[in-house]
Amino acid sequence: MVAEVFVEGGGNKNLDIKLRQAFGMLADRAGLRGRMPKFVACGSRHEAYKDFVTALEHPEPGKTSLLLVDSEGPVSEESPWTHLGGREEGGWRQPPGATDGQCHFMVQAMESWFLADIPALRQYFGQDFKEKALPRGSIEAASKAAVIEGLTKAAKMTRKGGYDKGRDSFGILKTLDIAKVRAASPWADRFFTSLDKTTKGEEP
């Protein structure tokens, strides 16, 4: 079974390639070599949802579609679709035939995963990276704004001069220790567990 994952992020040819490479490297480290998912860079959250719905409406044999977007806030709902429905006006309803196991979040944003692997951040930014500027505690509890602000402050005095999403996000993502990310983020662990099941032919 092929897992096709519609991911929020990218937006141009160069970023789309970087997204696919970065998520592919994480999936490989998660033990999916030989049954790699197909990651589709969709740009905005709304476009990711639309592309996911389109795939459900035109199913292909041997392929299961998954959605992966930023949660944009803490997730308290048991069903991810309920969380999405509570944040958007229309258009984010659970599509016919879609299960909870097909909807996944980066909580509260992709950058939240970076906080699980501080050594990777130090290696990427180099000398003068100030990790004390990063949010502490649960990586899923830190707001998206706090995470971005923390990364910007922590990297301000490095050779990068700060954090730039277009320049840095996928470069950092591909270096992460996926075991650390899964241990720090239950939603990340849920996503990679679902990928494992789906690519084995099980229900996500």
Protein backbone atom coordinates (compact mmCIF):
# COMPACT_ATOMS: atom_id res chain seq x y z
CA MET A 1 0.00 0.00 0.00
CA VAL A 2 1.27 3.45 -0.95
CA ALA A 3 0.70 6.31 1.47
CA GLU A 4 0.23 9.67 -0.23
CA VAL A 5 0.63 12.52 2.24
CA PHE A 6 -0.71 15.98 1.41
CA VAL A 7 1.49 18.34 3.41
CA GLU A 8 1.11 22.01 4.24
CA GLY A 9 4.24 23.78 3.05
CA GLY A 10 6.33 24.53 0.00
CA GLY A 11 4.75 26.83 -2.53
CA ASN A 12 7.31 26.96 -5.32
CA LYS A 13 9.38 24.40 -7.20
CA ASN A 14 12.48 24.80 -5.05
CA LEU A 15 10.63 24.62 -1.72
CA ASP A 16 8.47 21.72 -2.92
CA ILE A 17 11.61 19.70 -3.66
CA LYS A 18 13.12 20.57 -0.28
CA LEU A 19 9.91 19.56 1.50
CA ARG A 20 9.77 16.18 -0.22
CA GLN A 21 13.43 15.53 0.51
CA ALA A 22 13.19 16.52 4.17
CA PHE A 23 10.09 14.49 4.96
CA GLY A 24 11.48 11.59 2.96
CA MET A 25 14.62 11.60 5.09
CA LEU A 26 12.56 11.60 8.29
CA ALA A 27 10.43 8.72 7.01
CA ASP A 28 13.56 6.78 6.14
CA ARG A 29 14.90 7.25 9.67
CA ALA A 30 11.51 6.18 11.00
CA GLY A 31 12.06 2.76 9.43
CA LEU A 32 10.04 3.16 6.23
CA ARG A 33 12.82 2.45 3.76
CA GLY A 34 11.47 0.22 1.02
CA ARG A 35 7.89 1.40 1.54
CA MET A 36 8.35 5.14 1.43
CA PRO A 37 5.31 7.42 1.42
CA LYS A 38 4.77 9.95 -1.33
CA PHE A 39 4.89 13.46 0.12
CA VAL A 40 2.96 16.09 -1.83
CA ALA A 41 3.88 19.73 -1.12
CA CYS A 42 0.63 21.70 -1.29
CA GLY A 43 1.54 25.21 -0.20
CA SER A 44 -1.15 26.59 2.12
CA ARG A 45 -3.21 24.65 4.66
CA HIS A 46 -6.32 25.25 2.57
CA GLU A 47 -4.67 23.88 -0.58
CA ALA A 48 -3.49 20.81 1.35
CA TYR A 49 -7.05 20.16 2.48
CA LYS A 50 -8.45 20.68 -1.03
CA ASP A 51 -5.88 18.33 -2.58
CA PHE A 52 -6.63 15.72 0.08
CA VAL A 53 -10.37 15.93 -0.61
CA THR A 54 -9.78 15.65 -4.36
CA ALA A 55 -7.71 12.51 -3.80
CA LEU A 56 -10.53 10.99 -1.75
CA GLU A 57 -13.01 11.78 -4.49
CA HIS A 58 -10.80 10.04 -7.08
CA PRO A 59 -9.32 7.06 -5.21
CA GLU A 60 -6.61 4.94 -6.78
CA PRO A 61 -6.21 1.23 -6.04
CA GLY A 62 -3.40 0.50 -3.61
CA LYS A 63 -3.13 4.09 -2.40
CA THR A 64 -4.23 5.70 0.88
CA SER A 65 -4.34 9.48 1.31
CA LEU A 66 -3.28 11.30 4.48
CA LEU A 67 -3.40 14.97 5.44
CA LEU A 68 -0.61 16.70 7.43
CA VAL A 69 -1.03 20.36 8.44
CA ASP A 70 -0.04 22.69 11.27
CA SER A 71 -2.58 22.60 14.08
CA GLU A 72 -2.06 26.38 14.54
CA GLY A 73 -2.93 25.96 18.22
CA PRO A 74 -3.18 23.39 21.02
CA VAL A 75 -5.22 20.31 20.16
CA SER A 76 -7.72 19.38 22.85
CA GLU A 77 -10.27 17.60 20.71
CA GLU A 78 -10.18 13.82 20.51
CA SER A 79 -10.96 13.91 16.79
CA PRO A 80 -8.58 15.94 14.59
CA TRP A 81 -11.50 16.74 12.28
CA THR A 82 -13.35 18.33 15.19
CA HIS A 83 -10.31 20.51 15.83
CA LEU A 84 -10.19 21.64 12.21
CA GLY A 85 -13.93 22.24 12.13
CA GLY A 86 -13.64 24.45 15.17
CA ARG A 87 -10.95 26.64 13.64
CA GLU A 88 -12.30 27.26 10.15
CA GLU A 89 -15.54 28.60 8.71
CA GLY A 90 -16.81 25.93 6.31
CA GLY A 91 -14.75 23.83 3.94
CA TRP A 92 -12.93 22.00 6.73
CA ARG A 93 -15.62 19.49 7.51
CA GLN A 94 -14.60 15.86 7.67
CA PRO A 95 -14.79 14.66 4.06
CA PRO A 96 -17.08 11.72 3.30
CA GLY A 97 -15.14 8.50 3.80
CA ALA A 98 -12.24 10.14 5.66
CA THR A 99 -11.26 8.66 9.00
CA ASP A 100 -9.58 10.25 12.01
CA GLY A 101 -6.52 8.17 11.15
CA GLN A 102 -6.10 10.07 7.88
CA CYS A 103 -5.87 13.53 9.51
CA HIS A 104 -2.61 14.55 11.19
CA PHE A 105 -1.08 17.63 12.78
CA MET A 106 2.28 19.20 13.37
CA VAL A 107 1.54 20.66 16.81
CA GLN A 108 1.45 23.54 16.87
CA ALA A 109 3.59 24.05 13.75
CA MET A 110 6.34 22.27 11.84
CA GLU A 111 8.92 24.38 13.67
CA SER A 112 7.70 22.89 16.95
CA TRP A 113 9.41 19.65 15.96
CA PHE A 114 12.75 21.50 15.92
CA LEU A 115 12.55 22.02 19.69
CA ALA A 116 12.82 18.28 20.21
CA ASP A 117 16.39 18.20 18.87
CA ILE A 118 18.42 21.13 20.18
CA PRO A 119 21.75 19.56 19.09
CA ALA A 120 20.46 19.58 15.49
CA LEU A 121 19.66 23.28 15.80
CA ARG A 122 23.11 24.02 17.24
CA GLN A 123 24.72 22.10 14.40
CA TYR A 124 22.65 23.89 11.76
CA PHE A 125 23.11 27.45 13.03
CA GLY A 126 26.62 27.03 14.38
CA GLN A 127 28.44 29.25 16.84
CA ASP A 128 26.51 31.79 18.93
CA PHE A 129 23.20 29.95 18.77
CA LYS A 130 21.40 30.93 22.00
CA GLU A 131 19.21 27.96 22.86
CA LYS A 132 18.05 29.64 26.08
CA ALA A 133 15.84 31.87 23.91
CA LEU A 134 13.74 28.86 22.86
CA PRO A 135 10.46 27.97 24.61
CA ARG A 136 10.82 25.45 27.41
CA GLY A 137 8.60 22.56 28.42
CA SER A 138 6.31 20.55 26.18
CA ILE A 139 6.97 21.34 22.53
CA GLU A 140 3.25 20.95 21.78
CA ALA A 141 2.32 23.53 24.44
CA ALA A 142 4.37 26.36 22.94
CA SER A 143 2.40 28.62 20.61
CA LYS A 144 3.45 28.91 16.98
CA ALA A 145 4.32 32.57 17.53
CA ALA A 146 6.48 31.73 20.55
CA VAL A 147 8.36 29.05 18.64
CA ILE A 148 9.10 31.31 15.66
CA GLU A 149 10.09 34.19 17.94
CA GLY A 150 12.34 31.89 19.96
CA LEU A 151 14.07 30.55 16.88
CA THR A 152 14.60 34.07 15.53
CA LYS A 153 16.13 35.30 18.79
CA ALA A 154 18.23 32.17 19.29
CA ALA A 155 19.75 32.43 15.82
CA LYS A 156 20.10 36.23 15.67
CA MET A 157 23.82 36.32 16.43
CA THR A 158 24.76 33.30 14.29
CA ARG A 159 26.12 33.33 10.77
CA LYS A 160 22.51 32.99 9.55
CA GLY A 161 21.49 36.22 11.24
CA GLY A 162 18.20 34.75 12.43
CA TYR A 163 15.62 32.19 11.36
CA ASP A 164 14.12 32.46 7.87
CA LYS A 165 11.38 29.94 7.13
CA GLY A 166 11.97 29.75 3.39
CA ARG A 167 15.72 29.44 3.76
CA ASP A 168 16.02 27.32 6.89
CA SER A 169 12.91 25.26 7.67
CA PHE A 170 13.48 22.20 5.50
CA GLY A 171 17.24 22.34 5.98
CA ILE A 172 16.66 21.91 9.71
CA LEU A 173 13.83 19.42 9.31
CA LYS A 174 15.93 16.92 7.39
CA THR A 175 18.59 16.83 10.14
CA LEU A 176 16.25 15.98 13.02
CA ASP A 177 16.49 12.82 15.09
CA ILE A 178 13.04 11.40 14.44
CA ALA A 179 13.14 9.33 17.62
CA LYS A 180 13.51 12.54 19.65
CA VAL A 181 10.66 14.19 17.76
CA ARG A 182 8.35 11.23 18.33
CA ALA A 183 9.24 11.07 22.01
CA ALA A 184 8.55 14.79 22.48
CA SER A 185 5.40 15.06 20.35
CA PRO A 186 2.53 12.56 20.69
CA TRP A 187 1.01 13.93 17.49
CA ALA A 188 4.23 13.39 15.58
CA ASP A 189 4.40 9.84 16.91
CA ARG A 190 0.77 9.33 15.86
CA PHE A 191 1.62 10.47 12.33
CA PHE A 192 4.64 8.20 11.86
CA THR A 193 2.80 5.28 13.45
CA SER A 194 0.00 5.82 10.94
CA LEU A 195 2.50 5.90 8.08
CA ASP A 196 3.97 2.63 9.27
CA LYS A 197 0.56 0.96 9.41
CA THR A 198 -0.62 2.37 6.11
CA THR A 199 2.45 1.27 4.18
CA LYS A 200 1.99 -2.22 5.62
CA GLY A 201 -1.54 -2.34 4.22
CA GLU A 202 -3.26 -1.72 7.56
CA GLU A 203 -5.92 0.87 8.32
CA PRO A 204 -4.30 4.21 9.30
